[in-house]
Protein backbone atom coordinates (compact mmCIF):
# COMPACT_ATOMS: atom_id res chain seq x y z
CA UNK A 1 -0.34 25.38 -38.58
CA UNK A 2 -1.28 23.65 -41.87
CA UNK A 3 0.21 19.91 -40.91
CA UNK A 4 -2.16 19.76 -37.91
CA UNK A 5 -4.44 16.84 -37.49
CA UNK A 6 -7.75 18.11 -37.15
CA UNK A 7 -10.26 15.33 -36.05
CA UNK A 8 -14.35 15.53 -37.34
CA UNK A 9 -16.93 15.23 -34.57
CA UNK A 10 -20.61 14.96 -35.75
CA UNK A 11 -23.04 16.68 -34.08
CA UNK A 12 -26.31 14.36 -33.62
CA UNK A 13 -28.73 16.99 -32.42
CA UNK A 14 -32.40 15.38 -32.27
CA UNK A 15 -34.64 14.03 -29.71
CA UNK A 16 -35.40 10.46 -31.83
CA UNK A 17 -32.79 7.68 -31.08
CA UNK A 18 -33.99 5.88 -34.28
CA UNK A 19 -32.86 9.07 -36.21
CA UNK A 20 -29.75 9.47 -34.12
CA UNK A 21 -28.68 5.64 -34.83
CA UNK A 22 -28.90 6.24 -38.45
CA UNK A 23 -27.09 9.33 -38.56
CA UNK A 24 -24.17 7.71 -36.23
CA UNK A 25 -24.35 4.69 -38.64
CA UNK A 26 -23.86 6.73 -41.50
CA UNK A 27 -20.97 9.05 -40.04
CA UNK A 28 -18.98 6.71 -38.22
CA UNK A 29 -16.43 5.86 -41.33
CA UNK A 30 -15.70 9.70 -41.53
CA UNK A 31 -16.49 11.07 -38.21
CA UNK A 32 -14.19 10.09 -34.95
CA UNK A 33 -16.35 10.87 -32.45
CA UNK A 34 -20.25 11.83 -32.09
CA UNK A 35 -21.75 14.50 -30.11
CA UNK A 36 -25.08 14.05 -27.71
CA UNK A 37 -26.22 16.94 -26.10
CA UNK A 38 -29.04 18.52 -24.21
CA UNK A 39 -31.55 17.95 -26.73
CA UNK A 40 -30.83 14.28 -26.94
CA UNK A 41 -30.19 13.38 -23.53
CA UNK A 42 -33.36 15.33 -22.11
CA UNK A 43 -35.51 13.83 -24.54
CA UNK A 44 -34.19 10.38 -25.21
CA UNK A 45 -32.58 9.77 -21.53
CA UNK A 46 -29.37 8.78 -20.43
CA UNK A 47 -30.31 4.68 -21.31
CA UNK A 48 -30.19 5.92 -25.08
CA UNK A 49 -27.23 7.99 -24.74
CA UNK A 50 -25.48 5.00 -23.35
CA UNK A 51 -26.93 2.57 -25.94
CA UNK A 52 -25.61 4.83 -28.58
CA UNK A 53 -22.45 5.41 -27.43
CA UNK A 54 -21.66 1.71 -27.25
CA UNK A 55 -18.68 1.04 -29.62
CA UNK A 56 -18.37 4.79 -30.39
CA UNK A 57 -16.20 7.74 -28.79
CA UNK A 58 -18.85 9.98 -27.33
CA UNK A 59 -18.46 13.73 -26.83
CA UNK A 60 -21.17 14.31 -24.15
CA UNK A 61 -21.85 18.18 -24.39
CA UNK A 62 -23.93 19.12 -21.44
CA UNK A 63 -22.24 22.32 -20.85
CA UNK A 64 -22.39 21.91 -16.81
CA UNK A 65 -22.69 24.94 -15.19
CA UNK A 66 -23.87 25.25 -11.18
CA UNK A 67 -22.42 25.55 -7.72
CA UNK A 68 -18.91 23.71 -7.54
CA UNK A 69 -20.38 20.84 -5.33
CA UNK A 70 -23.14 20.26 -7.69
CA UNK A 71 -21.24 20.06 -10.70
CA UNK A 72 -18.71 17.91 -9.10
CA UNK A 73 -21.64 15.33 -8.34
CA UNK A 74 -22.65 15.52 -11.68
CA UNK A 75 -19.57 14.73 -13.26
CA UNK A 76 -19.38 11.50 -11.19
CA UNK A 77 -23.04 10.48 -12.02
CA UNK A 78 -21.78 10.50 -15.65
CA UNK A 79 -18.94 7.98 -15.30
CA UNK A 80 -21.00 5.28 -16.26
CA UNK A 81 -21.21 6.67 -19.59
CA UNK A 82 -17.67 6.20 -20.24
CA UNK A 83 -17.65 9.66 -22.54
CA UNK A 84 -14.27 10.59 -24.16
CA UNK A 85 -14.97 14.35 -23.75
CA UNK A 86 -17.30 15.98 -21.43
CA UNK A 87 -18.28 19.65 -21.24
CA UNK A 88 -18.51 22.42 -18.46
CA UNK A 89 -18.92 26.21 -18.69
CA UNK A 90 -15.81 27.96 -17.63
CA UNK A 91 -18.10 31.06 -16.67
CA UNK A 92 -18.66 28.90 -13.61
CA UNK A 93 -15.50 30.15 -12.11
CA UNK A 94 -12.40 29.12 -10.67
CA UNK A 95 -14.02 26.62 -7.86
CA UNK A 96 -16.38 25.19 -10.04
CA UNK A 97 -14.13 24.39 -12.67
CA UNK A 98 -11.52 22.63 -10.06
CA UNK A 99 -14.27 20.57 -8.73
CA UNK A 100 -15.21 19.22 -12.04
CA UNK A 101 -11.60 18.48 -12.39
CA UNK A 102 -11.39 16.63 -9.31
CA UNK A 103 -14.39 14.96 -9.65
CA UNK A 104 -13.14 13.36 -13.13
CA UNK A 105 -10.21 12.40 -11.54
CA UNK A 106 -11.93 10.40 -8.81
CA UNK A 107 -14.78 8.88 -11.10
CA UNK A 108 -12.47 7.44 -13.59
CA UNK A 109 -9.79 6.64 -11.55
CA UNK A 110 -9.98 2.99 -12.87
CA UNK A 111 -10.95 4.00 -16.53
CA UNK A 112 -9.81 6.17 -19.28
CA UNK A 113 -10.45 9.78 -18.07
CA UNK A 114 -12.70 11.78 -20.79
CA UNK A 115 -11.16 15.14 -21.94
CA UNK A 116 -12.62 17.93 -19.48
CA UNK A 117 -13.70 20.94 -21.92
CA UNK A 118 -14.56 24.11 -20.88
CA UNK A 119 -16.89 26.28 -22.86
CA UNK A 120 -15.67 29.71 -23.29
CA UNK A 121 -17.86 31.87 -25.36
CA UNK A 122 -20.91 30.17 -27.22
CA UNK A 123 -20.64 30.54 -31.00
CA UNK A 124 -24.03 31.84 -31.26
CA UNK A 125 -23.13 35.29 -29.55
CA UNK A 126 -20.93 38.04 -31.17
CA UNK A 127 -19.52 41.34 -29.38
CA UNK A 128 -22.95 42.93 -29.22
CA UNK A 129 -24.74 39.68 -27.56
CA UNK A 130 -21.84 40.02 -24.80
CA UNK A 131 -22.29 43.31 -24.33
CA UNK A 132 -26.17 43.07 -23.66
CA UNK A 133 -25.00 40.65 -20.65
CA UNK A 134 -22.61 42.72 -19.01
CA UNK A 135 -19.40 41.72 -20.70
CA UNK A 136 -17.34 44.13 -22.07
CA UNK A 137 -14.37 44.05 -24.42
CA UNK A 138 -15.73 41.77 -27.04
CA UNK A 139 -15.75 38.07 -27.52
CA UNK A 140 -12.00 37.17 -27.91
CA UNK A 141 -11.14 39.05 -24.81
CA UNK A 142 -13.45 37.29 -22.83
CA UNK A 143 -12.43 34.10 -24.64
CA UNK A 144 -8.96 34.46 -23.25
CA UNK A 145 -9.72 35.27 -19.71
CA UNK A 146 -12.00 32.05 -19.56
CA UNK A 147 -9.37 30.34 -21.07
CA UNK A 148 -6.90 31.09 -18.83
CA UNK A 149 -9.12 30.50 -15.79
CA UNK A 150 -10.22 27.03 -16.66
CA UNK A 151 -6.87 25.84 -17.86
CA UNK A 152 -5.11 27.02 -14.62
CA UNK A 153 -8.20 24.93 -12.70
CA UNK A 154 -7.79 21.65 -14.23
CA UNK A 155 -9.70 21.85 -17.75
CA UNK A 156 -7.74 19.99 -20.19
CA UNK A 157 -8.96 21.91 -23.23
CA UNK A 158 -11.68 24.60 -24.15
CA UNK A 159 -14.55 24.76 -26.62
CA UNK A 160 -14.20 28.25 -28.61
CA UNK A 161 -15.20 29.41 -32.08
CA UNK A 162 -12.80 29.05 -34.72
CA UNK A 163 -12.27 33.00 -34.76
CA UNK A 164 -10.20 32.71 -31.42
CA UNK A 165 -7.97 29.97 -32.34
CA UNK A 166 -4.71 31.69 -33.08
CA UNK A 167 -5.28 33.79 -30.17
CA UNK A 168 -5.46 30.95 -27.87
CA UNK A 169 -2.38 29.23 -29.61
CA UNK A 170 -0.49 32.24 -29.27
CA UNK A 171 -1.19 32.67 -25.73
CA UNK A 172 -1.39 29.22 -24.41
CA UNK A 173 0.47 26.96 -27.01
CA UNK A 174 -0.10 23.74 -28.50
CA UNK A 175 -0.89 21.89 -25.08
CA UNK A 176 -4.70 22.82 -24.71
CA UNK A 177 -7.24 20.32 -26.84
CA UNK A 178 -9.27 23.39 -28.72
CA UNK A 179 -12.85 21.95 -29.92
CA UNK A 180 -14.68 24.52 -32.27
CA UNK A 181 -17.97 24.27 -33.00
CA UNK A 182 -19.82 26.56 -35.51
CA UNK A 183 -17.82 25.23 -38.66
CA UNK A 184 -19.97 25.39 -41.85
CA UNK A 185 -18.41 24.15 -45.04
CA UNK A 186 -18.02 26.74 -47.94
CA UNK A 187 -21.67 27.80 -49.03
CA UNK A 188 -23.49 26.37 -46.22
CA UNK A 189 -25.79 28.58 -44.10
CA UNK A 190 -24.57 30.21 -40.92
CA UNK A 191 -28.10 29.39 -38.97
CA UNK A 192 -27.84 30.97 -35.62
CA UNK A 193 -24.15 30.75 -35.55
CA UNK A 194 -22.19 34.11 -35.44
CA UNK A 195 -18.57 33.33 -35.20
CA UNK A 196 -17.70 30.67 -38.25
CA UNK A 197 -14.94 29.04 -40.17
CA UNK A 198 -15.03 26.71 -42.97
CA UNK A 199 -13.58 23.17 -41.54
CA UNK A 200 -10.37 23.70 -43.85
CA UNK A 201 -9.87 27.17 -42.40
CA UNK A 202 -10.19 25.75 -38.71
CA UNK A 203 -7.40 23.26 -39.40
CA UNK A 204 -5.11 25.97 -40.50
CA UNK A 205 -5.72 28.19 -37.49
CA UNK A 206 -5.15 25.15 -34.79
CA UNK A 207 -8.10 23.20 -34.23
CA UNK A 208 -7.44 19.82 -32.82
CA UNK A 209 -11.36 18.83 -33.33
CA UNK A 210 -14.18 20.61 -35.36
CA UNK A 211 -17.85 19.78 -34.38
CA UNK A 212 -20.46 20.12 -37.53
CA UNK A 213 -24.07 19.10 -37.15
CA UNK A 214 -26.44 20.41 -39.59
CA UNK A 215 -24.49 20.56 -42.49
CA UNK A 216 -24.26 16.91 -41.91
CA UNK A 217 -27.60 15.97 -40.65
CA UNK A 218 -29.51 18.31 -43.02
CA UNK A 219 -27.96 17.08 -46.03
CA UNK A 220 -29.78 14.51 -48.22
CA UNK A 221 -26.68 12.34 -48.03
CA UNK A 222 -25.17 12.59 -44.30
CA UNK A 223 -22.40 9.92 -45.03
CA UNK A 224 -21.44 11.98 -48.39
CA UNK A 225 -21.22 15.25 -46.36
CA UNK A 226 -19.30 14.17 -43.44
CA UNK A 227 -16.90 12.36 -45.77
CA UNK A 228 -16.35 15.78 -47.87
CA UNK A 229 -15.75 17.32 -44.45
CA UNK A 230 -13.44 14.98 -43.44
CA UNK A 231 -11.46 14.94 -46.61
CA UNK A 232 -11.26 19.08 -46.74
CA UNK A 233 -9.72 18.51 -43.16
CA UNK A 234 -6.68 16.30 -44.86
CA UNK A 235 -6.48 18.37 -48.24
């Protein structure tokens, strides 16, 4: 899969809108999409999300997970932000994923629909952590189970670790959009991530998009860090 075009999503994880804007300005020439998640949305509010996303493609990473009616209503409530990508938890079950998909289709009937991405197993979890929650068989088996459930019920793609990319491509082919957080350039600290790969390894394994946060935002020169990762994706 070495000829795959893999895009860079820059994760702007901060509570400070001014800092987020500085990072967004720095990475925009190198990252096609910016990611805003729970930390920013809860601290700065959705008005700040809208302002920062204006003129940029937005990966709105809220990982919605609740009863089907609530998740469907939440998806409809987010339509004004016009995200390019929106996340839900696949572990919410078939009815919840289907409700999110139906609400997305209704809310975005007259505008560009965001990709509905189902989070499988968080990259901060390994087999032992999953076993603590009662999930047997390890991360890969659980990712494949949740992937089948999510795709069958209307998800456009999946959020998974790079370690599961090859297995997902073998099982589901090229159609699902696969987005991989937990990406660390060679030599970078893994932090709280357990299942990691480098940008180039993730591209070769089948990622459509990689999500990179701290190796960019924690660098002395975020623009240069983003540029180096983008260059690795095309080498």
